[in-house]
Amino acid sequence: MICPYCEEIMQEGWIDQYQTYGLYWTPNEERGFLESIIDPHDIRLTSLAHGGRLIVYHCEKCRKFVIDENDIEV
C-alpha cells in the first residue's frame, strides 16, 4: 500500500494482543500469526496501564484507518 501522505510503500502487518502486554503492531514476516514472543520490531500500541485504548482516525470516503504514532500512550 502507498502511504497517503508521503506516497512511499507502507509495510503490511497486523495488530494483535500479546497476553497481558497490550496491543502490538507486528510486521508481516516469517513468524506465525499466533507467535507469542514479542519481537523487537513489533511496535507497542497500547498497554493495560493506560486502559488499552488507542486513538485511530477513520476516513469514511476511502475506508482507511490511520494511527499516528505520536498519539500512542504506553
N, C-alpha and C. Protein backbone atom coordinates (compact mmCIF):
# COMPACT_ATOMS: atom_id res chain seq x y z
N MET A 1 0.84 -1.17 0.00
CA MET A 1 0.00 0.00 0.00
C MET A 1 0.89 1.24 0.00
N ILE A 2 0.46 2.25 -0.70
CA ILE A 2 1.19 3.52 -0.76
C ILE A 2 0.66 4.45 0.33
N CYS A 3 1.56 5.07 1.06
CA CYS A 3 1.19 5.99 2.12
C CYS A 3 0.45 7.19 1.52
N PRO A 4 -0.72 7.54 2.07
CA PRO A 4 -1.48 8.66 1.51
C PRO A 4 -0.83 10.02 1.76
N TYR A 5 0.17 10.05 2.61
CA TYR A 5 0.80 11.32 2.94
C TYR A 5 2.12 11.52 2.19
N CYS A 6 3.01 10.51 2.19
CA CYS A 6 4.33 10.67 1.58
C CYS A 6 4.49 9.87 0.30
N GLU A 7 3.51 9.02 -0.02
CA GLU A 7 3.47 8.20 -1.22
C GLU A 7 4.57 7.14 -1.29
N GLU A 8 5.16 6.80 -0.15
CA GLU A 8 6.11 5.69 -0.08
C GLU A 8 5.34 4.39 0.15
N ILE A 9 5.98 3.26 -0.10
CA ILE A 9 5.34 1.97 0.13
C ILE A 9 5.25 1.72 1.63
N MET A 10 4.04 1.36 2.10
CA MET A 10 3.81 1.08 3.51
C MET A 10 4.06 -0.41 3.77
N GLN A 11 4.52 -0.72 4.97
CA GLN A 11 4.76 -2.10 5.34
C GLN A 11 3.47 -2.72 5.87
N GLU A 12 3.14 -3.89 5.38
CA GLU A 12 1.95 -4.59 5.83
C GLU A 12 2.24 -5.31 7.14
N GLY A 13 1.24 -5.39 7.99
CA GLY A 13 1.38 -6.10 9.25
C GLY A 13 0.01 -6.33 9.86
N TRP A 14 -0.02 -6.69 11.12
CA TRP A 14 -1.29 -6.91 11.81
C TRP A 14 -1.21 -6.37 13.22
N ILE A 15 -2.38 -6.18 13.83
CA ILE A 15 -2.46 -5.76 15.23
C ILE A 15 -2.95 -6.96 16.01
N ASP A 16 -2.22 -7.28 17.06
CA ASP A 16 -2.55 -8.45 17.87
C ASP A 16 -2.32 -8.12 19.34
N GLN A 17 -2.94 -8.87 20.22
CA GLN A 17 -2.73 -8.69 21.65
C GLN A 17 -1.88 -9.84 22.17
N TYR A 18 -0.82 -9.49 22.88
CA TYR A 18 0.06 -10.48 23.47
C TYR A 18 -0.25 -10.61 24.95
N GLN A 19 -1.03 -11.60 25.28
CA GLN A 19 -1.41 -11.92 26.66
C GLN A 19 -1.82 -10.66 27.40
N THR A 20 -1.10 -10.26 28.43
CA THR A 20 -1.47 -9.08 29.21
C THR A 20 -0.58 -7.88 28.90
N TYR A 21 0.18 -7.94 27.81
CA TYR A 21 1.11 -6.87 27.48
C TYR A 21 0.48 -5.73 26.69
N GLY A 22 -0.71 -5.89 26.16
CA GLY A 22 -1.36 -4.86 25.36
C GLY A 22 -1.33 -5.20 23.89
N LEU A 23 -1.71 -4.23 23.06
CA LEU A 23 -1.74 -4.42 21.61
C LEU A 23 -0.41 -4.04 20.98
N TYR A 24 -0.01 -4.81 19.99
CA TYR A 24 1.22 -4.57 19.25
C TYR A 24 0.93 -4.64 17.76
N TRP A 25 1.61 -3.82 16.99
CA TRP A 25 1.60 -3.96 15.54
C TRP A 25 2.80 -4.81 15.18
N THR A 26 2.57 -5.85 14.40
CA THR A 26 3.60 -6.80 14.02
C THR A 26 3.76 -6.79 12.51
N PRO A 27 4.97 -6.55 12.00
CA PRO A 27 5.16 -6.59 10.54
C PRO A 27 5.01 -8.01 10.02
N ASN A 28 4.48 -8.15 8.80
CA ASN A 28 4.38 -9.46 8.17
C ASN A 28 5.78 -9.96 7.86
N GLU A 29 6.15 -11.03 8.50
CA GLU A 29 7.43 -11.68 8.28
C GLU A 29 7.19 -13.18 8.32
N GLU A 30 8.19 -13.95 8.55
CA GLU A 30 8.02 -15.40 8.55
C GLU A 30 7.50 -15.94 9.86
N ARG A 31 7.33 -15.10 10.86
CA ARG A 31 6.77 -15.59 12.13
C ARG A 31 5.31 -15.95 11.93
N GLY A 32 4.84 -16.91 12.69
CA GLY A 32 3.46 -17.32 12.63
C GLY A 32 2.53 -16.27 13.22
N PHE A 33 1.27 -16.28 12.80
CA PHE A 33 0.29 -15.31 13.26
C PHE A 33 0.08 -15.38 14.77
N LEU A 34 0.16 -16.56 15.35
CA LEU A 34 -0.09 -16.72 16.78
C LEU A 34 1.19 -16.78 17.59
N GLU A 35 2.28 -16.27 17.06
CA GLU A 35 3.55 -16.25 17.77
C GLU A 35 3.38 -15.49 19.08
N SER A 36 3.81 -16.09 20.19
CA SER A 36 3.57 -15.47 21.50
C SER A 36 4.76 -14.67 22.02
N ILE A 37 5.88 -14.67 21.30
CA ILE A 37 7.05 -13.94 21.74
C ILE A 37 7.08 -12.59 21.05
N ILE A 38 7.20 -11.51 21.83
CA ILE A 38 7.24 -10.17 21.26
C ILE A 38 8.61 -9.94 20.64
N ASP A 39 8.62 -9.54 19.39
CA ASP A 39 9.83 -9.30 18.63
C ASP A 39 10.24 -7.83 18.78
N PRO A 40 11.54 -7.52 18.74
CA PRO A 40 11.97 -6.12 18.84
C PRO A 40 11.44 -5.22 17.74
N HIS A 41 11.01 -5.79 16.61
CA HIS A 41 10.47 -4.99 15.51
C HIS A 41 8.99 -4.66 15.71
N ASP A 42 8.34 -5.31 16.68
CA ASP A 42 6.94 -5.02 16.97
C ASP A 42 6.83 -3.63 17.60
N ILE A 43 5.74 -2.94 17.34
CA ILE A 43 5.52 -1.61 17.90
C ILE A 43 4.37 -1.70 18.89
N ARG A 44 4.65 -1.36 20.14
CA ARG A 44 3.63 -1.41 21.18
C ARG A 44 2.63 -0.28 20.94
N LEU A 45 1.35 -0.62 20.86
CA LEU A 45 0.30 0.35 20.59
C LEU A 45 -0.48 0.73 21.84
N THR A 46 -0.67 -0.21 22.75
CA THR A 46 -1.42 0.06 23.98
C THR A 46 -0.78 -0.69 25.13
N SER A 47 -1.17 -0.29 26.32
CA SER A 47 -0.81 -1.06 27.50
C SER A 47 -2.03 -1.11 28.39
N LEU A 48 -2.11 -2.11 29.22
CA LEU A 48 -3.24 -2.21 30.13
C LEU A 48 -3.21 -1.09 31.16
N ALA A 49 -2.03 -0.55 31.43
CA ALA A 49 -1.91 0.56 32.39
C ALA A 49 -2.64 1.80 31.90
N HIS A 50 -2.80 1.96 30.58
CA HIS A 50 -3.50 3.11 30.00
C HIS A 50 -4.87 2.70 29.48
N GLY A 51 -5.41 1.61 29.99
CA GLY A 51 -6.75 1.18 29.62
C GLY A 51 -6.85 0.49 28.27
N GLY A 52 -5.73 0.25 27.61
CA GLY A 52 -5.75 -0.46 26.34
C GLY A 52 -6.38 0.32 25.20
N ARG A 53 -6.52 1.63 25.35
CA ARG A 53 -7.14 2.44 24.29
C ARG A 53 -6.10 2.98 23.32
N LEU A 54 -6.54 3.20 22.09
CA LEU A 54 -5.67 3.68 21.04
C LEU A 54 -6.46 4.65 20.16
N ILE A 55 -5.91 5.83 19.89
CA ILE A 55 -6.58 6.79 19.01
C ILE A 55 -6.35 6.35 17.57
N VAL A 56 -7.45 6.16 16.84
CA VAL A 56 -7.40 5.73 15.44
C VAL A 56 -8.31 6.64 14.64
N TYR A 57 -7.81 7.19 13.53
CA TYR A 57 -8.59 8.05 12.66
C TYR A 57 -9.14 7.22 11.50
N HIS A 58 -10.38 7.50 11.10
CA HIS A 58 -11.03 6.75 10.03
C HIS A 58 -11.57 7.70 8.98
N CYS A 59 -11.33 7.39 7.72
CA CYS A 59 -11.90 8.16 6.61
C CYS A 59 -13.03 7.33 6.02
N GLU A 60 -14.26 7.84 6.12
CA GLU A 60 -15.40 7.11 5.57
C GLU A 60 -15.33 7.01 4.05
N LYS A 61 -14.74 8.04 3.42
CA LYS A 61 -14.69 8.06 1.96
C LYS A 61 -13.75 6.99 1.40
N CYS A 62 -12.51 6.95 1.88
CA CYS A 62 -11.55 5.99 1.34
C CYS A 62 -11.47 4.70 2.16
N ARG A 63 -12.16 4.66 3.30
CA ARG A 63 -12.25 3.46 4.15
C ARG A 63 -10.88 3.01 4.65
N LYS A 64 -10.06 3.97 5.04
CA LYS A 64 -8.73 3.68 5.59
C LYS A 64 -8.68 4.11 7.05
N PHE A 65 -7.93 3.38 7.84
CA PHE A 65 -7.67 3.75 9.22
C PHE A 65 -6.23 4.23 9.32
N VAL A 66 -6.00 5.27 10.11
CA VAL A 66 -4.65 5.79 10.31
C VAL A 66 -4.41 5.92 11.80
N ILE A 67 -3.26 5.44 12.24
CA ILE A 67 -2.83 5.57 13.63
C ILE A 67 -1.60 6.45 13.62
N ASP A 68 -1.65 7.54 14.37
CA ASP A 68 -0.50 8.43 14.48
C ASP A 68 0.36 7.95 15.64
N GLU A 69 1.59 7.55 15.34
CA GLU A 69 2.48 7.00 16.39
C GLU A 69 2.70 7.99 17.52
N ASN A 70 2.55 9.29 17.26
CA ASN A 70 2.70 10.29 18.31
C ASN A 70 1.57 10.25 19.33
N ASP A 71 0.43 9.63 18.97
CA ASP A 71 -0.73 9.53 19.88
C ASP A 71 -0.68 8.31 20.78
N ILE A 72 0.31 7.45 20.60
CA ILE A 72 0.38 6.21 21.37
C ILE A 72 0.88 6.49 22.77
N GLU A 73 0.11 6.02 23.78
CA GLU A 73 0.49 6.17 25.18
C GLU A 73 0.74 4.78 25.76
N VAL A 74 2.01 4.45 25.97
CA VAL A 74 2.32 3.13 26.55
C VAL A 74 3.17 3.26 27.78
